């Protein structure tokens, strides 16, 4: 599965309009909200293996993104990470997913929390 998302801005934006790279739905190796900017691109490439156990899926993934903090500035950040995931779901009822992600490289302008070498995310949901 391949997901791509991007944003282009004609001027500097309010922080509520920024694109954010880090988090469970972004680059999973970084904390939620890490590396934001007026414009950027975010991509996730995920390979899934449906196991013989009904509802159980294993995955491996690569996440990458680039943001430019200010339209008029030259301050850009690139983040990359990879990881493994395990999902169990009962179709049309509920799901649970756990991910373990590690960063690739390190950018100097990130928060101290981003120095963590590994990150675990857990998501669960119920379909109504």
N, C-alpha and C. Protein backbone atom coordinates (compact mmCIF):
# COMPACT_ATOMS: atom_id res chain seq x y z
N UNK A 1 0.84 -1.16 0.00
CA UNK A 1 0.00 0.00 0.00
C UNK A 1 0.90 1.23 0.00
N UNK A 2 0.54 2.20 -0.80
CA UNK A 2 1.28 3.46 -0.88
C UNK A 2 0.33 4.61 -0.58
N UNK A 3 0.73 5.48 0.36
CA UNK A 3 -0.05 6.68 0.66
C UNK A 3 0.85 7.88 0.49
N UNK A 4 0.34 8.91 -0.16
CA UNK A 4 1.06 10.17 -0.34
C UNK A 4 0.15 11.33 0.04
N UNK A 5 0.72 12.33 0.70
CA UNK A 5 -0.02 13.53 1.07
C UNK A 5 0.93 14.70 0.94
N UNK A 6 0.45 15.80 0.41
CA UNK A 6 1.29 16.97 0.27
C UNK A 6 0.51 18.25 0.49
N UNK A 7 1.24 19.32 0.70
CA UNK A 7 0.65 20.63 0.89
C UNK A 7 1.58 21.69 0.33
N UNK A 8 1.03 22.63 -0.42
CA UNK A 8 1.78 23.75 -0.98
C UNK A 8 1.12 25.02 -0.50
N UNK A 9 1.93 26.03 -0.14
CA UNK A 9 1.38 27.28 0.39
C UNK A 9 1.90 28.46 -0.42
N UNK A 10 1.04 29.44 -0.61
CA UNK A 10 1.43 30.66 -1.32
C UNK A 10 2.04 31.69 -0.38
N UNK A 11 1.82 31.52 0.94
CA UNK A 11 2.38 32.44 1.94
C UNK A 11 2.58 31.68 3.24
N UNK A 12 3.17 32.35 4.25
CA UNK A 12 3.35 31.72 5.55
C UNK A 12 1.99 31.43 6.17
N UNK A 13 1.86 30.27 6.80
CA UNK A 13 0.60 29.83 7.37
C UNK A 13 0.61 29.87 8.88
N UNK A 14 -0.57 29.93 9.47
CA UNK A 14 -0.76 29.77 10.91
C UNK A 14 -0.42 28.31 11.25
N UNK A 15 0.06 28.05 12.45
CA UNK A 15 0.47 26.69 12.82
C UNK A 15 -0.68 25.68 12.72
N UNK A 16 -1.92 26.13 12.86
CA UNK A 16 -3.06 25.21 12.74
C UNK A 16 -3.23 24.71 11.30
N UNK A 17 -2.60 25.38 10.34
CA UNK A 17 -2.70 24.99 8.94
C UNK A 17 -1.46 24.24 8.43
N UNK A 18 -0.47 24.04 9.30
CA UNK A 18 0.77 23.37 8.91
C UNK A 18 0.55 21.90 8.58
N UNK A 19 1.47 21.35 7.83
CA UNK A 19 1.57 19.91 7.64
C UNK A 19 2.54 19.40 8.71
N UNK A 20 2.18 18.33 9.40
CA UNK A 20 3.00 17.73 10.46
C UNK A 20 3.45 16.35 10.01
N UNK A 21 4.72 16.03 10.21
CA UNK A 21 5.26 14.76 9.74
C UNK A 21 5.16 13.62 10.75
N UNK A 22 5.48 13.86 12.02
CA UNK A 22 5.56 12.79 13.00
C UNK A 22 4.20 12.32 13.49
N UNK A 23 4.15 11.08 13.97
CA UNK A 23 2.94 10.56 14.59
C UNK A 23 2.49 9.23 14.02
N UNK A 24 1.45 8.68 14.64
CA UNK A 24 0.93 7.36 14.28
C UNK A 24 0.41 7.29 12.85
N UNK A 25 -0.05 8.40 12.30
CA UNK A 25 -0.57 8.43 10.93
C UNK A 25 0.42 9.08 9.97
N UNK A 26 1.63 9.40 10.46
CA UNK A 26 2.66 10.02 9.63
C UNK A 26 3.92 9.18 9.65
N UNK A 27 5.03 9.80 10.05
CA UNK A 27 6.29 9.07 10.18
C UNK A 27 6.32 8.52 11.60
N UNK A 28 6.04 7.24 11.71
CA UNK A 28 5.78 6.58 13.00
C UNK A 28 7.00 6.50 13.90
N UNK A 29 8.19 6.77 13.40
CA UNK A 29 9.40 6.73 14.22
C UNK A 29 9.58 8.02 15.03
N UNK A 30 8.72 9.00 14.83
CA UNK A 30 8.83 10.31 15.50
C UNK A 30 7.55 10.62 16.27
N UNK A 31 7.66 11.46 17.31
CA UNK A 31 6.48 11.79 18.12
C UNK A 31 5.44 12.59 17.33
N UNK A 32 4.21 12.54 17.82
CA UNK A 32 3.11 13.29 17.22
C UNK A 32 3.48 14.77 17.10
N UNK A 33 3.29 15.35 15.93
CA UNK A 33 3.52 16.77 15.74
C UNK A 33 4.95 17.17 15.43
N UNK A 34 5.86 16.22 15.33
CA UNK A 34 7.26 16.54 15.05
C UNK A 34 7.41 17.05 13.62
N UNK A 35 8.20 18.07 13.44
CA UNK A 35 8.55 18.65 12.13
C UNK A 35 7.31 19.13 11.37
N UNK A 36 6.99 20.40 11.55
CA UNK A 36 5.85 20.98 10.85
C UNK A 36 6.32 22.08 9.92
N UNK A 37 5.48 22.41 8.95
CA UNK A 37 5.84 23.47 8.03
C UNK A 37 4.68 23.94 7.18
N UNK A 38 4.93 25.01 6.45
CA UNK A 38 3.93 25.58 5.56
C UNK A 38 3.67 24.67 4.36
N UNK A 39 4.72 24.01 3.89
CA UNK A 39 4.53 23.11 2.77
C UNK A 39 5.39 21.87 2.95
N UNK A 40 4.95 20.79 2.35
CA UNK A 40 5.70 19.56 2.49
C UNK A 40 5.01 18.40 1.82
N UNK A 41 5.63 17.24 1.99
CA UNK A 41 5.10 16.00 1.43
C UNK A 41 5.37 14.87 2.42
N UNK A 42 4.44 13.94 2.50
CA UNK A 42 4.54 12.80 3.41
C UNK A 42 4.15 11.55 2.65
N UNK A 43 4.97 10.50 2.77
CA UNK A 43 4.67 9.24 2.10
C UNK A 43 4.85 8.04 3.01
N UNK A 44 3.99 7.05 2.84
CA UNK A 44 4.07 5.79 3.58
C UNK A 44 3.98 4.65 2.58
N UNK A 45 4.94 3.73 2.64
CA UNK A 45 4.92 2.53 1.82
C UNK A 45 4.85 1.35 2.77
N UNK A 46 3.83 0.52 2.65
CA UNK A 46 3.62 -0.59 3.58
C UNK A 46 3.36 -1.88 2.82
N UNK A 47 4.09 -2.93 3.20
CA UNK A 47 3.88 -4.27 2.65
C UNK A 47 3.17 -5.09 3.72
N UNK A 48 2.09 -5.76 3.33
CA UNK A 48 1.28 -6.53 4.29
C UNK A 48 1.27 -8.01 3.93
N UNK A 49 1.27 -8.84 4.97
CA UNK A 49 1.18 -10.28 4.81
C UNK A 49 0.00 -10.77 5.65
N UNK A 50 -1.00 -11.32 4.98
CA UNK A 50 -2.17 -11.86 5.68
C UNK A 50 -1.83 -13.29 6.11
N UNK A 51 -1.69 -13.50 7.40
CA UNK A 51 -1.28 -14.80 7.94
C UNK A 51 -2.41 -15.82 7.81
N UNK A 52 -2.09 -17.10 8.01
CA UNK A 52 -3.14 -18.13 8.01
C UNK A 52 -4.16 -17.94 9.14
N UNK A 53 -3.80 -17.19 10.18
CA UNK A 53 -4.73 -16.91 11.28
C UNK A 53 -5.71 -15.84 10.80
N UNK A 54 -6.98 -16.17 10.74
CA UNK A 54 -8.00 -15.24 10.22
C UNK A 54 -7.98 -13.93 11.00
N UNK A 55 -7.83 -12.82 10.26
CA UNK A 55 -7.85 -11.49 10.87
C UNK A 55 -6.49 -10.96 11.29
N UNK A 56 -5.44 -11.77 11.23
CA UNK A 56 -4.11 -11.35 11.68
C UNK A 56 -3.24 -10.99 10.47
N UNK A 57 -2.70 -9.76 10.50
CA UNK A 57 -1.86 -9.26 9.41
C UNK A 57 -0.54 -8.75 9.96
N UNK A 58 0.56 -9.14 9.32
CA UNK A 58 1.88 -8.62 9.64
C UNK A 58 2.26 -7.61 8.56
N UNK A 59 3.00 -6.57 8.95
CA UNK A 59 3.40 -5.58 7.96
C UNK A 59 4.79 -5.04 8.26
N UNK A 60 5.42 -4.55 7.22
CA UNK A 60 6.66 -3.80 7.35
C UNK A 60 6.47 -2.54 6.52
N UNK A 61 7.08 -1.44 6.95
CA UNK A 61 6.82 -0.18 6.27
C UNK A 61 8.02 0.76 6.29
N UNK A 62 7.95 1.73 5.37
CA UNK A 62 8.92 2.81 5.26
C UNK A 62 8.12 4.10 5.17
N UNK A 63 8.44 5.07 6.04
CA UNK A 63 7.79 6.37 6.06
C UNK A 63 8.83 7.44 5.77
N UNK A 64 8.47 8.45 5.00
CA UNK A 64 9.40 9.56 4.73
C UNK A 64 8.60 10.83 4.48
N UNK A 65 9.23 11.95 4.83
CA UNK A 65 8.56 13.22 4.59
C UNK A 65 9.54 14.38 4.59
N UNK A 66 9.10 15.48 4.02
CA UNK A 66 9.89 16.71 3.93
C UNK A 66 8.96 17.87 4.19
N UNK A 67 9.40 18.82 5.02
CA UNK A 67 8.65 20.05 5.25
C UNK A 67 9.57 21.25 5.17
N UNK A 68 9.01 22.36 4.75
CA UNK A 68 9.70 23.65 4.76
C UNK A 68 8.94 24.51 5.76
N UNK A 69 9.65 24.96 6.81
CA UNK A 69 8.99 25.63 7.93
C UNK A 69 8.34 26.96 7.55
N UNK A 70 8.99 27.76 6.75
CA UNK A 70 8.43 29.05 6.35
C UNK A 70 8.55 29.20 4.85
N UNK A 71 7.51 29.73 4.24
CA UNK A 71 7.50 29.91 2.79
C UNK A 71 8.70 30.71 2.32
N UNK A 72 9.05 31.77 3.07
CA UNK A 72 10.14 32.66 2.66
C UNK A 72 11.51 32.20 3.14
N UNK A 73 11.55 31.19 4.01
CA UNK A 73 12.83 30.74 4.58
C UNK A 73 13.45 29.59 3.81
N UNK A 74 14.65 29.22 4.25
CA UNK A 74 15.34 28.10 3.61
C UNK A 74 15.49 26.94 4.60
N UNK A 75 14.65 26.93 5.65
CA UNK A 75 14.76 25.91 6.69
C UNK A 75 13.82 24.74 6.38
N UNK A 76 14.40 23.66 5.91
CA UNK A 76 13.63 22.46 5.56
C UNK A 76 14.12 21.29 6.41
N UNK A 77 13.22 20.35 6.65
CA UNK A 77 13.54 19.16 7.43
C UNK A 77 13.05 17.93 6.69
N UNK A 78 13.88 16.90 6.66
CA UNK A 78 13.51 15.61 6.09
C UNK A 78 13.56 14.56 7.19
N UNK A 79 12.51 13.77 7.32
CA UNK A 79 12.46 12.68 8.30
C UNK A 79 12.19 11.37 7.58
N UNK A 80 12.80 10.28 8.10
CA UNK A 80 12.58 8.95 7.54
C UNK A 80 12.53 7.94 8.67
N UNK A 81 11.77 6.89 8.48
CA UNK A 81 11.71 5.83 9.46
C UNK A 81 11.20 4.54 8.83
N UNK A 82 11.37 3.45 9.55
CA UNK A 82 10.90 2.15 9.10
C UNK A 82 10.33 1.42 10.30
N UNK A 83 9.59 0.36 10.06
CA UNK A 83 9.04 -0.36 11.20
C UNK A 83 8.32 -1.63 10.83
N UNK A 84 7.78 -2.25 11.88
CA UNK A 84 7.02 -3.49 11.78
C UNK A 84 5.67 -3.29 12.46
N UNK A 85 4.64 -3.90 11.91
CA UNK A 85 3.31 -3.77 12.48
C UNK A 85 2.60 -5.10 12.59
N UNK A 86 1.67 -5.17 13.52
CA UNK A 86 0.84 -6.34 13.73
C UNK A 86 -0.60 -5.85 13.91
N UNK A 87 -1.50 -6.35 13.08
CA UNK A 87 -2.90 -5.93 13.14
C UNK A 87 -3.79 -7.16 13.30
N UNK A 88 -4.78 -7.04 14.18
CA UNK A 88 -5.81 -8.07 14.29
C UNK A 88 -7.14 -7.37 14.12
N UNK A 89 -7.97 -7.93 13.26
CA UNK A 89 -9.27 -7.30 13.04
C UNK A 89 -10.36 -8.33 12.85
N UNK A 90 -11.54 -7.94 13.26
CA UNK A 90 -12.75 -8.71 12.99
C UNK A 90 -13.56 -7.82 12.04
N UNK A 91 -13.66 -8.19 10.76
CA UNK A 91 -14.30 -7.32 9.77
C UNK A 91 -15.66 -6.79 10.22
N UNK A 92 -15.88 -5.51 9.97
CA UNK A 92 -17.12 -4.81 10.30
C UNK A 92 -17.44 -4.81 11.79
N UNK A 93 -16.42 -4.99 12.64
CA UNK A 93 -16.64 -4.99 14.08
C UNK A 93 -15.58 -4.16 14.81
N UNK A 94 -14.33 -4.64 14.87
CA UNK A 94 -13.28 -3.92 15.60
C UNK A 94 -11.91 -4.28 15.04
N UNK A 95 -10.89 -3.50 15.45
CA UNK A 95 -9.52 -3.77 15.04
C UNK A 95 -8.57 -3.30 16.15
N UNK A 96 -7.37 -3.85 16.14
CA UNK A 96 -6.29 -3.40 17.03
C UNK A 96 -4.99 -3.52 16.26
N UNK A 97 -4.12 -2.52 16.43
CA UNK A 97 -2.84 -2.51 15.71
C UNK A 97 -1.75 -2.02 16.64
N UNK A 98 -0.59 -2.67 16.56
CA UNK A 98 0.60 -2.21 17.28
C UNK A 98 1.73 -2.08 16.25
N UNK A 99 2.47 -0.97 16.36
CA UNK A 99 3.60 -0.70 15.47
C UNK A 99 4.85 -0.46 16.29
N UNK A 100 5.98 -0.93 15.80
CA UNK A 100 7.28 -0.58 16.36
C UNK A 100 8.06 0.09 15.23
N UNK A 101 8.48 1.33 15.45
CA UNK A 101 9.15 2.10 14.40
C UNK A 101 10.50 2.62 14.88
N UNK A 102 11.44 2.69 13.95
CA UNK A 102 12.77 3.25 14.22
C UNK A 102 13.08 4.31 13.18
N UNK A 103 13.80 5.32 13.62
CA UNK A 103 14.15 6.41 12.70
C UNK A 103 15.34 6.01 11.83
N UNK A 104 15.46 6.68 10.71
CA UNK A 104 16.61 6.54 9.83
C UNK A 104 17.27 7.91 9.80
N UNK A 105 18.49 8.02 10.32
CA UNK A 105 19.17 9.31 10.39
C UNK A 105 18.59 10.16 11.51
N UNK A 106 19.05 11.41 11.58
CA UNK A 106 18.55 12.33 12.61
C UNK A 106 18.79 13.77 12.17
N UNK A 107 17.79 14.60 12.33
CA UNK A 107 17.89 16.02 12.00
C UNK A 107 18.20 16.80 13.28
N UNK A 108 19.07 17.80 13.19
CA UNK A 108 19.52 18.57 14.35
C UNK A 108 18.44 19.43 14.99
N UNK A 109 17.45 19.86 14.24
CA UNK A 109 16.48 20.82 14.75
C UNK A 109 15.21 20.19 15.33
N UNK A 110 15.29 18.96 15.85
CA UNK A 110 14.13 18.29 16.40
C UNK A 110 14.10 18.33 17.91
N UNK A 111 12.92 18.03 18.48
CA UNK A 111 12.76 18.04 19.94
C UNK A 111 13.56 16.90 20.58
N UNK A 112 13.84 17.04 21.89
CA UNK A 112 14.60 16.00 22.62
C UNK A 112 13.87 14.66 22.57
N UNK A 113 12.55 14.69 22.58
CA UNK A 113 11.78 13.45 22.56
C UNK A 113 12.03 12.67 21.28
N UNK A 114 12.39 13.38 20.21
CA UNK A 114 12.63 12.72 18.93
C UNK A 114 13.95 11.95 18.91
N UNK A 115 14.78 12.11 19.94
CA UNK A 115 16.05 11.39 19.99
C UNK A 115 15.87 9.90 20.26
N UNK A 116 14.69 9.52 20.70
CA UNK A 116 14.40 8.11 20.97
C UNK A 116 14.68 7.28 19.72
N UNK A 117 15.36 6.16 19.89
CA UNK A 117 15.70 5.32 18.74
C UNK A 117 14.53 4.43 18.29
N UNK A 118 13.61 4.13 19.16
CA UNK A 118 12.47 3.31 18.79
C UNK A 118 11.19 3.87 19.38
N UNK A 119 10.07 3.60 18.73
CA UNK A 119 8.79 4.14 19.19
C UNK A 119 7.72 3.08 18.97
N UNK A 120 6.83 2.93 19.95
CA UNK A 120 5.73 1.97 19.85
C UNK A 120 4.42 2.75 19.81
N UNK A 121 3.55 2.37 18.87
CA UNK A 121 2.23 2.97 18.74
C UNK A 121 1.19 1.86 18.86
N UNK A 122 0.07 2.17 19.52
CA UNK A 122 -1.04 1.23 19.62
C UNK A 122 -2.32 1.95 19.23
N UNK A 123 -3.10 1.33 18.38
CA UNK A 123 -4.40 1.88 17.98
C UNK A 123 -5.44 0.78 18.05
N UNK A 124 -6.63 1.14 18.44
CA UNK A 124 -7.76 0.21 18.44
C UNK A 124 -9.00 0.99 18.07
N UNK A 125 -9.95 0.31 17.48
CA UNK A 125 -11.18 0.97 17.09
C UNK A 125 -12.33 0.01 16.97
N UNK A 126 -13.51 0.56 17.08
CA UNK A 126 -14.76 -0.19 16.95
C UNK A 126 -15.55 0.44 15.83
N UNK A 127 -16.08 -0.38 14.95
CA UNK A 127 -16.88 0.10 13.83
C UNK A 127 -18.35 0.01 14.22
N UNK A 128 -19.05 1.13 14.07
CA UNK A 128 -20.48 1.18 14.44
C UNK A 128 -21.35 1.15 13.21
